[in-house]
Amino acid sequence: MEDNIDIAELSEQLLADWGHQVMTAGNGADALAKLSAFSPDVVFIDIGLPGMNGYEVAQRIRATLPPSVTLVALSGYGQEEHRQRANEVGFNRYLVKPVRDEQLAAVLSNCRPRDGG
């Protein structure tokens, strides 16, 4: 989830090029609605989403999706209190923007690309 359309599109293209199925959403409510038809292995969530922030989205996802789903917080803030809050609501990883390709690859290294079927 990323509310910046340009960043969302670039991230979507990069992940698709790496062989992953990708679903994007610009806000928390849209993402939660889309998740009912999509079984992700990893969910990247911008903390500063409009309307419903990333912490609330993560809490709702944790209440509905299996614990095996990896939640990754994306934030412009790297202070310990932000990392701790992310951990408390169920995030598995915390990445500070701008996120490098190598960081994304490390998070995804345990996820096999899906073949679409």
PDB file of N, CA and C in Angstrom:
ATOM      1  N   MET A   1       0.828  -1.169   0.000  1.00  0.00           N
ATOM      2  CA  MET A   1       0.000   0.000   0.000  1.00  0.00           C
ATOM      3  C   MET A   1       0.874   1.233   0.000  1.00  0.00           C
ATOM      4  N   GLU A   2       0.598   2.080  -0.914  1.00  0.00           N
ATOM      5  CA  GLU A   2       1.365   3.320  -1.039  1.00  0.00           C
ATOM      6  C   GLU A   2       0.451   4.358  -1.642  1.00  0.00           C
ATOM      7  N   ASP A   3       0.333   5.512  -0.990  1.00  0.00           N
ATOM      8  CA  ASP A   3      -0.556   6.547  -1.490  1.00  0.00           C
ATOM      9  C   ASP A   3       0.082   7.420  -2.561  1.00  0.00           C
ATOM     10  N   ASN A   4       1.399   7.365  -2.728  1.00  0.00           N
ATOM     11  CA  ASN A   4       2.066   8.093  -3.796  1.00  0.00           C
ATOM     12  C   ASN A   4       1.976   7.236  -5.059  1.00  0.00           C
ATOM     13  N   ILE A   5       1.193   7.685  -6.027  1.00  0.00           N
ATOM     14  CA  ILE A   5       0.908   6.889  -7.221  1.00  0.00           C
ATOM     15  C   ILE A   5       2.179   6.521  -7.989  1.00  0.00           C
ATOM     16  N   ASP A   6       3.099   7.459  -8.133  1.00  0.00           N
ATOM     17  CA  ASP A   6       4.332   7.180  -8.876  1.00  0.00           C
ATOM     18  C   ASP A   6       5.155   6.087  -8.201  1.00  0.00           C
ATOM     19  N   ILE A   7       5.293   6.174  -6.887  1.00  0.00           N
ATOM     20  CA  ILE A   7       6.057   5.163  -6.156  1.00  0.00           C
ATOM     21  C   ILE A   7       5.346   3.815  -6.230  1.00  0.00           C
ATOM     22  N   ALA A   8       4.033   3.820  -6.091  1.00  0.00           N
ATOM     23  CA  ALA A   8       3.263   2.571  -6.164  1.00  0.00           C
ATOM     24  C   ALA A   8       3.454   1.905  -7.526  1.00  0.00           C
ATOM     25  N   GLU A   9       3.374   2.678  -8.597  1.00  0.00           N
ATOM     26  CA  GLU A   9       3.533   2.115  -9.938  1.00  0.00           C
ATOM     27  C   GLU A   9       4.935   1.573 -10.176  1.00  0.00           C
ATOM     28  N   LEU A  10       5.952   2.311  -9.732  1.00  0.00           N
ATOM     29  CA  LEU A  10       7.328   1.834  -9.889  1.00  0.00           C
ATOM     30  C   LEU A  10       7.564   0.559  -9.092  1.00  0.00           C
ATOM     31  N   SER A  11       7.061   0.528  -7.868  1.00  0.00           N
ATOM     32  CA  SER A  11       7.217  -0.663  -7.027  1.00  0.00           C
ATOM     33  C   SER A  11       6.493  -1.852  -7.627  1.00  0.00           C
ATOM     34  N   GLU A  12       5.295  -1.612  -8.132  1.00  0.00           N
ATOM     35  CA  GLU A  12       4.517  -2.680  -8.756  1.00  0.00           C
ATOM     36  C   GLU A  12       5.271  -3.260  -9.951  1.00  0.00           C
ATOM     37  N   GLN A  13       5.825  -2.400 -10.784  1.00  0.00           N
ATOM     38  CA  GLN A  13       6.555  -2.866 -11.967  1.00  0.00           C
ATOM     39  C   GLN A  13       7.808  -3.638 -11.569  1.00  0.00           C
ATOM     40  N   LEU A  14       8.543  -3.144 -10.593  1.00  0.00           N
ATOM     41  CA  LEU A  14       9.751  -3.822 -10.141  1.00  0.00           C
ATOM     42  C   LEU A  14       9.431  -5.217  -9.616  1.00  0.00           C
ATOM     43  N   LEU A  15       8.431  -5.309  -8.755  1.00  0.00           N
ATOM     44  CA  LEU A  15       8.072  -6.607  -8.173  1.00  0.00           C
ATOM     45  C   LEU A  15       7.534  -7.566  -9.232  1.00  0.00           C
ATOM     46  N   ALA A  16       6.771  -7.058 -10.175  1.00  0.00           N
ATOM     47  CA  ALA A  16       6.274  -7.894 -11.271  1.00  0.00           C
ATOM     48  C   ALA A  16       7.440  -8.384 -12.129  1.00  0.00           C
ATOM     49  N   ASP A  17       8.407  -7.505 -12.384  1.00  0.00           N
ATOM     50  CA  ASP A  17       9.585  -7.899 -13.154  1.00  0.00           C
ATOM     51  C   ASP A  17      10.372  -9.001 -12.451  1.00  0.00           C
ATOM     52  N   TRP A  18      10.308  -9.028 -11.130  1.00  0.00           N
ATOM     53  CA  TRP A  18      10.988 -10.057 -10.345  1.00  0.00           C
ATOM     54  C   TRP A  18      10.170 -11.340 -10.265  1.00  0.00           C
ATOM     55  N   GLY A  19       8.981 -11.359 -10.882  1.00  0.00           N
ATOM     56  CA  GLY A  19       8.181 -12.572 -10.935  1.00  0.00           C
ATOM     57  C   GLY A  19       7.097 -12.699  -9.887  1.00  0.00           C
ATOM     58  N   HIS A  20       6.793 -11.622  -9.194  1.00  0.00           N
ATOM     59  CA  HIS A  20       5.770 -11.664  -8.153  1.00  0.00           C
ATOM     60  C   HIS A  20       4.435 -11.149  -8.677  1.00  0.00           C
ATOM     61  N   GLN A  21       3.360 -11.748  -8.178  1.00  0.00           N
ATOM     62  CA  GLN A  21       2.033 -11.183  -8.421  1.00  0.00           C
ATOM     63  C   GLN A  21       1.899  -9.995  -7.489  1.00  0.00           C
ATOM     64  N   VAL A  22       1.348  -8.908  -8.004  1.00  0.00           N
ATOM     65  CA  VAL A  22       1.291  -7.675  -7.215  1.00  0.00           C
ATOM     66  C   VAL A  22      -0.100  -7.085  -7.271  1.00  0.00           C
ATOM     67  N   MET A  23      -0.562  -6.623  -6.129  1.00  0.00           N
ATOM     68  CA  MET A  23      -1.802  -5.867  -6.026  1.00  0.00           C
ATOM     69  C   MET A  23      -1.453  -4.594  -5.285  1.00  0.00           C
ATOM     70  N   THR A  24      -1.899  -3.460  -5.812  1.00  0.00           N
ATOM     71  CA  THR A  24      -1.613  -2.201  -5.138  1.00  0.00           C
ATOM     72  C   THR A  24      -2.898  -1.539  -4.687  1.00  0.00           C
ATOM     73  N   ALA A  25      -2.759  -0.706  -3.668  1.00  0.00           N
ATOM     74  CA  ALA A  25      -3.887   0.063  -3.138  1.00  0.00           C
ATOM     75  C   ALA A  25      -3.342   1.392  -2.642  1.00  0.00           C
ATOM     76  N   GLY A  26      -4.134   2.434  -2.810  1.00  0.00           N
ATOM     77  CA  GLY A  26      -3.706   3.773  -2.406  1.00  0.00           C
ATOM     78  C   GLY A  26      -4.119   4.164  -1.008  1.00  0.00           C
ATOM     79  N   ASN A  27      -4.960   3.335  -0.380  1.00  0.00           N
ATOM     80  CA  ASN A  27      -5.366   3.628   0.999  1.00  0.00           C
ATOM     81  C   ASN A  27      -5.742   2.332   1.696  1.00  0.00           C
ATOM     82  N   GLY A  28      -5.887   2.412   3.006  1.00  0.00           N
ATOM     83  CA  GLY A  28      -6.140   1.224   3.803  1.00  0.00           C
ATOM     84  C   GLY A  28      -7.453   0.541   3.510  1.00  0.00           C
ATOM     85  N   ALA A  29      -8.517   1.306   3.365  1.00  0.00           N
ATOM     86  CA  ALA A  29      -9.831   0.717   3.110  1.00  0.00           C
ATOM     87  C   ALA A  29      -9.844  -0.047   1.788  1.00  0.00           C
ATOM     88  N   ASP A  30      -9.233   0.532   0.759  1.00  0.00           N
ATOM     89  CA  ASP A  30      -9.153  -0.129  -0.539  1.00  0.00           C
ATOM     90  C   ASP A  30      -8.339  -1.419  -0.434  1.00  0.00           C
ATOM     91  N   ALA A  31      -7.241  -1.371   0.290  1.00  0.00           N
ATOM     92  CA  ALA A  31      -6.398  -2.558   0.446  1.00  0.00           C
ATOM     93  C   ALA A  31      -7.134  -3.669   1.177  1.00  0.00           C
ATOM     94  N   LEU A  32      -7.822  -3.337   2.247  1.00  0.00           N
ATOM     95  CA  LEU A  32      -8.551  -4.355   3.004  1.00  0.00           C
ATOM     96  C   LEU A  32      -9.632  -4.997   2.152  1.00  0.00           C
ATOM     97  N   ALA A  33     -10.281  -4.210   1.319  1.00  0.00           N
ATOM     98  CA  ALA A  33     -11.302  -4.752   0.425  1.00  0.00           C
ATOM     99  C   ALA A  33     -10.677  -5.695  -0.603  1.00  0.00           C
ATOM    100  N   LYS A  34      -9.546  -5.321  -1.159  1.00  0.00           N
ATOM    101  CA  LYS A  34      -8.878  -6.142  -2.172  1.00  0.00           C
ATOM    102  C   LYS A  34      -8.292  -7.425  -1.594  1.00  0.00           C
ATOM    103  N   LEU A  35      -7.911  -7.406  -0.325  1.00  0.00           N
ATOM    104  CA  LEU A  35      -7.282  -8.583   0.276  1.00  0.00           C
ATOM    105  C   LEU A  35      -8.221  -9.779   0.362  1.00  0.00           C
ATOM    106  N   SER A  36      -9.515  -9.525   0.310  1.00  0.00           N
ATOM    107  CA  SER A  36     -10.455 -10.647   0.371  1.00  0.00           C
ATOM    108  C   SER A  36     -10.348 -11.542  -0.866  1.00  0.00           C
ATOM    109  N   ALA A  37      -9.809 -11.017  -1.966  1.00  0.00           N
ATOM    110  CA  ALA A  37      -9.683 -11.783  -3.202  1.00  0.00           C
ATOM    111  C   ALA A  37      -8.225 -12.065  -3.566  1.00  0.00           C
ATOM    112  N   PHE A  38      -7.305 -11.774  -2.670  1.00  0.00           N
ATOM    113  CA  PHE A  38      -5.880 -11.900  -2.961  1.00  0.00           C
ATOM    114  C   PHE A  38      -5.216 -12.519  -1.744  1.00  0.00           C
ATOM    115  N   SER A  39      -4.417 -13.551  -1.937  1.00  0.00           N
ATOM    116  CA  SER A  39      -3.743 -14.216  -0.821  1.00  0.00           C
ATOM    117  C   SER A  39      -2.257 -13.880  -0.854  1.00  0.00           C
ATOM    118  N   PRO A  40      -1.866 -12.789  -0.240  1.00  0.00           N
ATOM    119  CA  PRO A  40      -0.468 -12.369  -0.329  1.00  0.00           C
ATOM    120  C   PRO A  40       0.442 -13.152   0.609  1.00  0.00           C
ATOM    121  N   ASP A  41       1.691 -13.220   0.229  1.00  0.00           N
ATOM    122  CA  ASP A  41       2.728 -13.748   1.114  1.00  0.00           C
ATOM    123  C   ASP A  41       3.337 -12.598   1.913  1.00  0.00           C
ATOM    124  N   VAL A  42       3.414 -11.427   1.267  1.00  0.00           N
ATOM    125  CA  VAL A  42       4.011 -10.240   1.866  1.00  0.00           C
ATOM    126  C   VAL A  42       3.103  -9.050   1.572  1.00  0.00           C
ATOM    127  N   VAL A  43       2.935  -8.177   2.576  1.00  0.00           N
ATOM    128  CA  VAL A  43       2.188  -6.944   2.377  1.00  0.00           C
ATOM    129  C   VAL A  43       3.076  -5.788   2.820  1.00  0.00           C
ATOM    130  N   PHE A  44       3.368  -4.886   1.886  1.00  0.00           N
ATOM    131  CA  PHE A  44       4.131  -3.676   2.191  1.00  0.00           C
ATOM    132  C   PHE A  44       3.119  -2.575   2.497  1.00  0.00           C
ATOM    133  N   ILE A  45       3.260  -1.939   3.661  1.00  0.00           N
ATOM    134  CA  ILE A  45       2.274  -0.941   4.089  1.00  0.00           C
ATOM    135  C   ILE A  45       2.972   0.351   4.479  1.00  0.00           C
ATOM    136  N   ASP A  46       2.616   1.412   3.787  1.00  0.00           N
ATOM    137  CA  ASP A  46       3.085   2.745   4.130  1.00  0.00           C
ATOM    138  C   ASP A  46       2.419   3.156   5.445  1.00  0.00           C
ATOM    139  N   ILE A  47       3.188   3.599   6.396  1.00  0.00           N
ATOM    140  CA  ILE A  47       2.630   4.012   7.686  1.00  0.00           C
ATOM    141  C   ILE A  47       1.780   5.274   7.536  1.00  0.00           C
ATOM    142  N   GLY A  48       2.164   6.182   6.668  1.00  0.00           N
ATOM    143  CA  GLY A  48       1.472   7.462   6.528  1.00  0.00           C
ATOM    144  C   GLY A  48       0.372   7.457   5.484  1.00  0.00           C
ATOM    145  N   LEU A  49      -0.484   6.451   5.496  1.00  0.00           N
ATOM    146  CA  LEU A  49      -1.594   6.399   4.545  1.00  0.00           C
ATOM    147  C   LEU A  49      -2.684   7.401   4.917  1.00  0.00           C
ATOM    148  N   PRO A  50      -3.406   7.913   3.925  1.00  0.00           N
ATOM    149  CA  PRO A  50      -4.521   8.820   4.227  1.00  0.00           C
ATOM    150  C   PRO A  50      -5.706   8.050   4.809  1.00  0.00           C
ATOM    151  N   GLY A  51      -6.437   8.675   5.687  1.00  0.00           N
ATOM    152  CA  GLY A  51      -7.624   8.063   6.268  1.00  0.00           C
ATOM    153  C   GLY A  51      -7.292   7.120   7.396  1.00  0.00           C
ATOM    154  N   MET A  52      -6.881   5.926   7.057  1.00  0.00           N
ATOM    155  CA  MET A  52      -6.531   4.887   8.029  1.00  0.00           C
ATOM    156  C   MET A  52      -5.020   4.678   7.935  1.00  0.00           C
ATOM    157  N   ASN A  53      -4.289   4.947   9.020  1.00  0.00           N
ATOM    158  CA  ASN A  53      -2.838   4.835   8.928  1.00  0.00           C
ATOM    159  C   ASN A  53      -2.399   3.375   8.850  1.00  0.00           C
ATOM    160  N   GLY A  54      -1.148   3.175   8.534  1.00  0.00           N
ATOM    161  CA  GLY A  54      -0.614   1.836   8.336  1.00  0.00           C
ATOM    162  C   GLY A  54      -0.671   0.956   9.574  1.00  0.00           C
ATOM    163  N   TYR A  55      -0.585   1.551  10.754  1.00  0.00           N
ATOM    164  CA  TYR A  55      -0.690   0.760  11.987  1.00  0.00           C
ATOM    165  C   TYR A  55      -2.074   0.117  12.091  1.00  0.00           C
ATOM    166  N   GLU A  56      -3.112   0.895  11.799  1.00  0.00           N
ATOM    167  CA  GLU A  56      -4.476   0.369  11.868  1.00  0.00           C
ATOM    168  C   GLU A  56      -4.704  -0.690  10.797  1.00  0.00           C
ATOM    169  N   VAL A  57      -4.182  -0.457   9.606  1.00  0.00           N
ATOM    170  CA  VAL A  57      -4.304  -1.442   8.530  1.00  0.00           C
ATOM    171  C   VAL A  57      -3.651  -2.757   8.957  1.00  0.00           C
ATOM    172  N   ALA A  58      -2.462  -2.675   9.542  1.00  0.00           N
ATOM    173  CA  ALA A  58      -1.763  -3.883   9.986  1.00  0.00           C
ATOM    174  C   ALA A  58      -2.574  -4.633  11.035  1.00  0.00           C
ATOM    175  N   GLN A  59      -3.153  -3.920  11.972  1.00  0.00           N
ATOM    176  CA  GLN A  59      -3.970  -4.571  13.001  1.00  0.00           C
ATOM    177  C   GLN A  59      -5.143  -5.310  12.370  1.00  0.00           C
ATOM    178  N   ARG A  60      -5.784  -4.693  11.406  1.00  0.00           N
ATOM    179  CA  ARG A  60      -6.929  -5.337  10.744  1.00  0.00           C
ATOM    180  C   ARG A  60      -6.498  -6.539   9.921  1.00  0.00           C
ATOM    181  N   ILE A  61      -5.356  -6.433   9.267  1.00  0.00           N
ATOM    182  CA  ILE A  61      -4.845  -7.558   8.499  1.00  0.00           C
ATOM    183  C   ILE A  61      -4.514  -8.711   9.430  1.00  0.00           C
ATOM    184  N   ARG A  62      -3.880  -8.424  10.539  1.00  0.00           N
ATOM    185  CA  ARG A  62      -3.528  -9.472  11.503  1.00  0.00           C
ATOM    186  C   ARG A  62      -4.770 -10.175  12.054  1.00  0.00           C
ATOM    187  N   ALA A  63      -5.881  -9.473  12.099  1.00  0.00           N
ATOM    188  CA  ALA A  63      -7.120 -10.067  12.604  1.00  0.00           C
ATOM    189  C   ALA A  63      -7.789 -10.975  11.571  1.00  0.00           C
ATOM    190  N   THR A  64      -7.381 -10.876  10.301  1.00  0.00           N
ATOM    191  CA  THR A  64      -8.073 -11.630   9.250  1.00  0.00           C
ATOM    192  C   THR A  64      -7.192 -12.592   8.465  1.00  0.00           C
ATOM    193  N   LEU A  65      -5.939 -12.265   8.245  1.00  0.00           N
ATOM    194  CA  LEU A  65      -5.063 -13.116   7.437  1.00  0.00           C
ATOM    195  C   LEU A  65      -4.236 -14.044   8.322  1.00  0.00           C
ATOM    196  N   PRO A  66      -3.754 -15.141   7.760  1.00  0.00           N
ATOM    197  CA  PRO A  66      -2.933 -16.068   8.547  1.00  0.00           C
ATOM    198  C   PRO A  66      -1.658 -15.390   9.055  1.00  0.00           C
ATOM    199  N   PRO A  67      -1.137 -15.849  10.189  1.00  0.00           N
ATOM    200  CA  PRO A  67       0.084 -15.243  10.736  1.00  0.00           C
ATOM    201  C   PRO A  67       1.308 -15.444   9.856  1.00  0.00           C
ATOM    202  N   SER A  68       1.226 -16.340   8.885  1.00  0.00           N
ATOM    203  CA  SER A  68       2.354 -16.568   7.983  1.00  0.00           C
ATOM    204  C   SER A  68       2.575 -15.406   7.007  1.00  0.00           C
ATOM    205  N   VAL A  69       1.586 -14.526   6.851  1.00  0.00           N
ATOM    206  CA  VAL A  69       1.729 -13.368   5.968  1.00  0.00           C
ATOM    207  C   VAL A  69       2.719 -12.391   6.606  1.00  0.00           C
ATOM    208  N   THR A  70       3.722 -12.005   5.841  1.00  0.00           N
ATOM    209  CA  THR A  70       4.729 -11.066   6.314  1.00  0.00           C
ATOM    210  C   THR A  70       4.251  -9.643   6.078  1.00  0.00           C
ATOM    211  N   LEU A  71       4.205  -8.843   7.143  1.00  0.00           N
ATOM    212  CA  LEU A  71       3.839  -7.435   7.029  1.00  0.00           C
ATOM    213  C   LEU A  71       5.095  -6.586   7.159  1.00  0.00           C
ATOM    214  N   VAL A  72       5.281  -5.698   6.190  1.00  0.00           N
ATOM    215  CA  VAL A  72       6.464  -4.845   6.156  1.00  0.00           C
ATOM    216  C   VAL A  72       6.020  -3.387   6.212  1.00  0.00           C
ATOM    217  N   ALA A  73       6.441  -2.687   7.250  1.00  0.00           N
ATOM    218  CA  ALA A  73       6.144  -1.259   7.391  1.00  0.00           C
ATOM    219  C   ALA A  73       7.116  -0.456   6.534  1.00  0.00           C
ATOM    220  N   LEU A  74       6.579   0.543   5.842  1.00  0.00           N
ATOM    221  CA  LEU A  74       7.384   1.484   5.080  1.00  0.00           C
ATOM    222  C   LEU A  74       7.151   2.860   5.686  1.00  0.00           C
ATOM    223  N   SER A  75       8.218   3.533   6.070  1.00  0.00           N
ATOM    224  CA  SER A  75       8.042   4.808   6.750  1.00  0.00           C
ATOM    225  C   SER A  75       9.206   5.740   6.476  1.00  0.00           C
ATOM    226  N   GLY A  76       8.923   7.012   6.546  1.00  0.00           N
ATOM    227  CA  GLY A  76       9.969   8.019   6.460  1.00  0.00           C
ATOM    228  C   GLY A  76      10.651   8.239   7.795  1.00  0.00           C
ATOM    229  N   TYR A  77      10.120   7.620   8.844  1.00  0.00           N
ATOM    230  CA  TYR A  77      10.652   7.786  10.193  1.00  0.00           C
ATOM    231  C   TYR A  77      11.378   6.530  10.635  1.00  0.00           C
ATOM    232  N   GLY A  78      12.566   6.686  11.169  1.00  0.00           N
ATOM    233  CA  GLY A  78      13.340   5.541  11.608  1.00  0.00           C
ATOM    234  C   GLY A  78      13.582   5.496  13.099  1.00  0.00           C
ATOM    235  N   GLN A  79      12.905   6.359  13.850  1.00  0.00           N
ATOM    236  CA  GLN A  79      13.110   6.385  15.298  1.00  0.00           C
ATOM    237  C   GLN A  79      12.590   5.115  15.958  1.00  0.00           C
ATOM    238  N   GLU A  80      13.180   4.799  17.095  1.00  0.00           N
ATOM    239  CA  GLU A  80      12.845   3.576  17.819  1.00  0.00           C
ATOM    240  C   GLU A  80      11.375   3.497  18.190  1.00  0.00           C
ATOM    241  N   GLU A  81      10.756   4.612  18.570  1.00  0.00           N
ATOM    242  CA  GLU A  81       9.343   4.556  18.954  1.00  0.00           C
ATOM    243  C   GLU A  81       8.440   4.139  17.786  1.00  0.00           C
ATOM    244  N   HIS A  82       8.803   4.507  16.575  1.00  0.00           N
ATOM    245  CA  HIS A  82       8.036   4.104  15.393  1.00  0.00           C
ATOM    246  C   HIS A  82       8.224   2.614  15.119  1.00  0.00           C
ATOM    247  N   ARG A  83       9.441   2.159  15.256  1.00  0.00           N
ATOM    248  CA  ARG A  83       9.726   0.736  15.070  1.00  0.00           C
ATOM    249  C   ARG A  83       9.013  -0.106  16.132  1.00  0.00           C
ATOM    250  N   GLN A  84       9.024   0.370  17.358  1.00  0.00           N
ATOM    251  CA  GLN A  84       8.371  -0.357  18.442  1.00  0.00           C
ATOM    252  C   GLN A  84       6.864  -0.422  18.220  1.00  0.00           C
ATOM    253  N   ARG A  85       6.271   0.684  17.815  1.00  0.00           N
ATOM    254  CA  ARG A  85       4.825   0.694  17.542  1.00  0.00           C
ATOM    255  C   ARG A  85       4.493  -0.292  16.426  1.00  0.00           C
ATOM    256  N   ALA A  86       5.308  -0.306  15.381  1.00  0.00           N
ATOM    257  CA  ALA A  86       5.089  -1.239  14.270  1.00  0.00           C
ATOM    258  C   ALA A  86       5.159  -2.684  14.765  1.00  0.00           C
ATOM    259  N   ASN A  87       6.105  -2.978  15.597  1.00  0.00           N
ATOM    260  CA  ASN A  87       6.231  -4.321  16.161  1.00  0.00           C
ATOM    261  C   ASN A  87       4.998  -4.680  16.995  1.00  0.00           C
ATOM    262  N   GLU A  88       4.512  -3.737  17.772  1.00  0.00           N
ATOM    263  CA  GLU A  88       3.361  -3.977  18.640  1.00  0.00           C
ATOM    264  C   GLU A  88       2.089  -4.320  17.866  1.00  0.00           C
ATOM    265  N   VAL A  89       1.912  -3.744  16.684  1.00  0.00           N
ATOM    266  CA  VAL A  89       0.687  -3.997  15.919  1.00  0.00           C
ATOM    267  C   VAL A  89       0.816  -5.174  14.956  1.00  0.00           C
ATOM    268  N   GLY A  90       1.997  -5.804  14.902  1.00  0.00           N
ATOM    269  CA  GLY A  90       2.125  -7.021  14.124  1.00  0.00           C
ATOM    270  C   GLY A  90       2.993  -6.981  12.891  1.00  0.00           C
ATOM    271  N   PHE A  91       3.708  -5.882  12.668  1.00  0.00           N
ATOM    272  CA  PHE A  91       4.629  -5.860  11.525  1.00  0.00           C
ATOM    273  C   PHE A  91       5.802  -6.793  11.800  1.00  0.00           C
ATOM    274  N   ASN A  92       6.292  -7.451  10.739  1.00  0.00           N
ATOM    275  CA  ASN A  92       7.457  -8.320  10.847  1.00  0.00           C
ATOM    276  C   ASN A  92       8.757  -7.587  10.558  1.00  0.00           C
ATOM    277  N   ARG A  93       8.678  -6.594   9.668  1.00  0.00           N
ATOM    278  CA  ARG A  93       9.858  -5.832   9.254  1.00  0.00           C
ATOM    279  C   ARG A  93       9.500  -4.351   9.201  1.00  0.00           C
ATOM    280  N   TYR A  94      10.524  -3.513   9.272  1.00  0.00           N
ATOM    281  CA  TYR A  94      10.343  -2.068   9.231  1.00  0.00           C
ATOM    282  C   TYR A  94      11.423  -1.500   8.324  1.00  0.00           C
ATOM    283  N   LEU A  95      11.017  -0.897   7.215  1.00  0.00           N
ATOM    284  CA  LEU A  95      11.962  -0.301   6.279  1.00  0.00           C
ATOM    285  C   LEU A  95      11.755   1.198   6.229  1.00  0.00           C
ATOM    286  N   VAL A  96      12.858   1.925   6.267  1.00  0.00           N
ATOM    287  CA  VAL A  96      12.807   3.385   6.205  1.00  0.00           C
ATOM    288  C   VAL A  96      12.981   3.816   4.755  1.00  0.00           C
ATOM    289  N   LYS A  97      12.080   4.694   4.320  1.00  0.00           N
ATOM    290  CA  LYS A  97      12.147   5.232   2.956  1.00  0.00           C
ATOM    291  C   LYS A  97      13.313   6.207   2.840  1.00  0.00           C
ATOM    292  N   PRO A  98      13.928   6.299   1.700  1.00  0.00           N
ATOM    293  CA  PRO A  98      13.645   5.529   0.495  1.00  0.00           C
ATOM    294  C   PRO A  98      14.189   4.107   0.621  1.00  0.00           C
ATOM    295  N   VAL A  99      13.380   3.159   0.193  1.00  0.00           N
ATOM    296  CA  VAL A  99      13.737   1.740   0.270  1.00  0.00           C
ATOM    297  C   VAL A  99      14.525   1.374  -0.985  1.00  0.00           C
ATOM    298  N   ARG A 100      15.636   0.704  -0.771  1.00  0.00           N
ATOM    299  CA  ARG A 100      16.484   0.276  -1.893  1.00  0.00           C
ATOM    300  C   ARG A 100      16.020  -1.085  -2.415  1.00  0.00           C
ATOM    301  N   ASP A 101      16.294  -1.347  -3.665  1.00  0.00           N
ATOM    302  CA  ASP A 101      15.942  -2.631  -4.288  1.00  0.00           C
ATOM    303  C   ASP A 101      16.487  -3.809  -3.480  1.00  0.00           C
ATOM    304  N   GLU A 102      17.698  -3.658  -2.957  1.00  0.00           N
ATOM    305  CA  GLU A 102      18.323  -4.734  -2.194  1.00  0.00           C
ATOM    306  C   GLU A 102      17.520  -5.061  -0.935  1.00  0.00           C
ATOM    307  N   GLN A 103      16.933  -4.025  -0.325  1.00  0.00           N
ATOM    308  CA  GLN A 103      16.118  -4.254   0.867  1.00  0.00           C
ATOM    309  C   GLN A 103      14.848  -5.029   0.506  1.00  0.00           C
ATOM    310  N   LEU A 104      14.215  -4.647  -0.595  1.00  0.00           N
ATOM    311  CA  LEU A 104      13.031  -5.384  -1.051  1.00  0.00           C
ATOM    312  C   LEU A 104      13.380  -6.828  -1.366  1.00  0.00           C
ATOM    313  N   ALA A 105      14.494  -7.024  -2.053  1.00  0.00           N
ATOM    314  CA  ALA A 105      14.915  -8.378  -2.411  1.00  0.00           C
ATOM    315  C   ALA A 105      15.164  -9.221  -1.164  1.00  0.00           C
ATOM    316  N   ALA A 106      15.743  -8.630  -0.131  1.00  0.00           N
ATOM    317  CA  ALA A 106      16.001  -9.370   1.103  1.00  0.00           C
ATOM    318  C   ALA A 106      14.697  -9.801   1.764  1.00  0.00           C
ATOM    319  N   VAL A 107      13.714  -8.923   1.779  1.00  0.00           N
ATOM    320  CA  VAL A 107      12.417  -9.263   2.380  1.00  0.00           C
ATOM    321  C   VAL A 107      11.753 -10.379   1.587  1.00  0.00           C
ATOM    322  N   LEU A 108      11.850 -10.318   0.281  1.00  0.00           N
ATOM    323  CA  LEU A 108      11.174 -11.281  -0.580  1.00  0.00           C
ATOM    324  C   LEU A 108      11.935 -12.581  -0.782  1.00  0.00           C
ATOM    325  N   SER A 109      13.137 -12.680  -0.254  1.00  0.00           N
ATOM    326  CA  SER A 109      13.983 -13.842  -0.525  1.00  0.00           C
ATOM    327  C   SER A 109      13.358 -15.157  -0.070  1.00  0.00           C
ATOM    328  N   ASN A 110      12.461 -15.112   0.894  1.00  0.00           N
ATOM    329  CA  ASN A 110      11.801 -16.341   1.352  1.00  0.00           C
ATOM    330  C   ASN A 110      10.475 -16.604   0.653  1.00  0.00           C
ATOM    331  N   CYS A 111      10.097 -15.755  -0.272  1.00  0.00           N
ATOM    332  CA  CYS A 111       8.824 -15.909  -0.981  1.00  0.00           C
ATOM    333  C   CYS A 111       9.101 -16.366  -2.407  1.00  0.00           C
ATOM    334  N   ARG A 112       8.473 -17.445  -2.789  1.00  0.00           N
ATOM    335  CA  ARG A 112       8.621 -17.933  -4.156  1.00  0.00           C
ATOM    336  C   ARG A 112       7.680 -17.168  -5.076  1.00  0.00           C
ATOM    337  N   PRO A 113       8.161 -16.739  -6.244  1.00  0.00           N
ATOM    338  CA  PRO A 113       7.244 -16.112  -7.200  1.00  0.00           C
ATOM    339  C   PRO A 113       6.138 -17.086  -7.592  1.00  0.00           C
ATOM    340  N   ARG A 114       4.947 -16.583  -7.723  1.00  0.00           N
ATOM    341  CA  ARG A 114       3.804 -17.421  -8.122  1.00  0.00           C
ATOM    342  C   ARG A 114       3.721 -17.453  -9.635  1.00  0.00           C
ATOM    343  N   ASP A 115       3.246 -18.558 -10.170  1.00  0.00           N
ATOM    344  CA  ASP A 115       3.164 -18.705 -11.636  1.00  0.00           C
ATOM    345  C   ASP A 115       1.827 -18.282 -12.184  1.00  0.00           C
ATOM    346  N   GLY A 116       0.995 -17.698 -11.348  1.00  0.00           N
ATOM    347  CA  GLY A 116      -0.304 -17.221 -11.823  1.00  0.00           C
ATOM    348  C   GLY A 116      -1.393 -18.259 -11.724  1.00  0.00           C
ATOM    349  N   GLY A 117      -1.105 -19.461 -11.273  1.00  0.00           N
ATOM    350  CA  GLY A 117      -2.114 -20.493 -11.222  1.00  0.00           C
ATOM    351  C   GLY A 117      -2.244 -21.167  -9.925  1.00  0.00           C
TER     352      GLY A 117
END
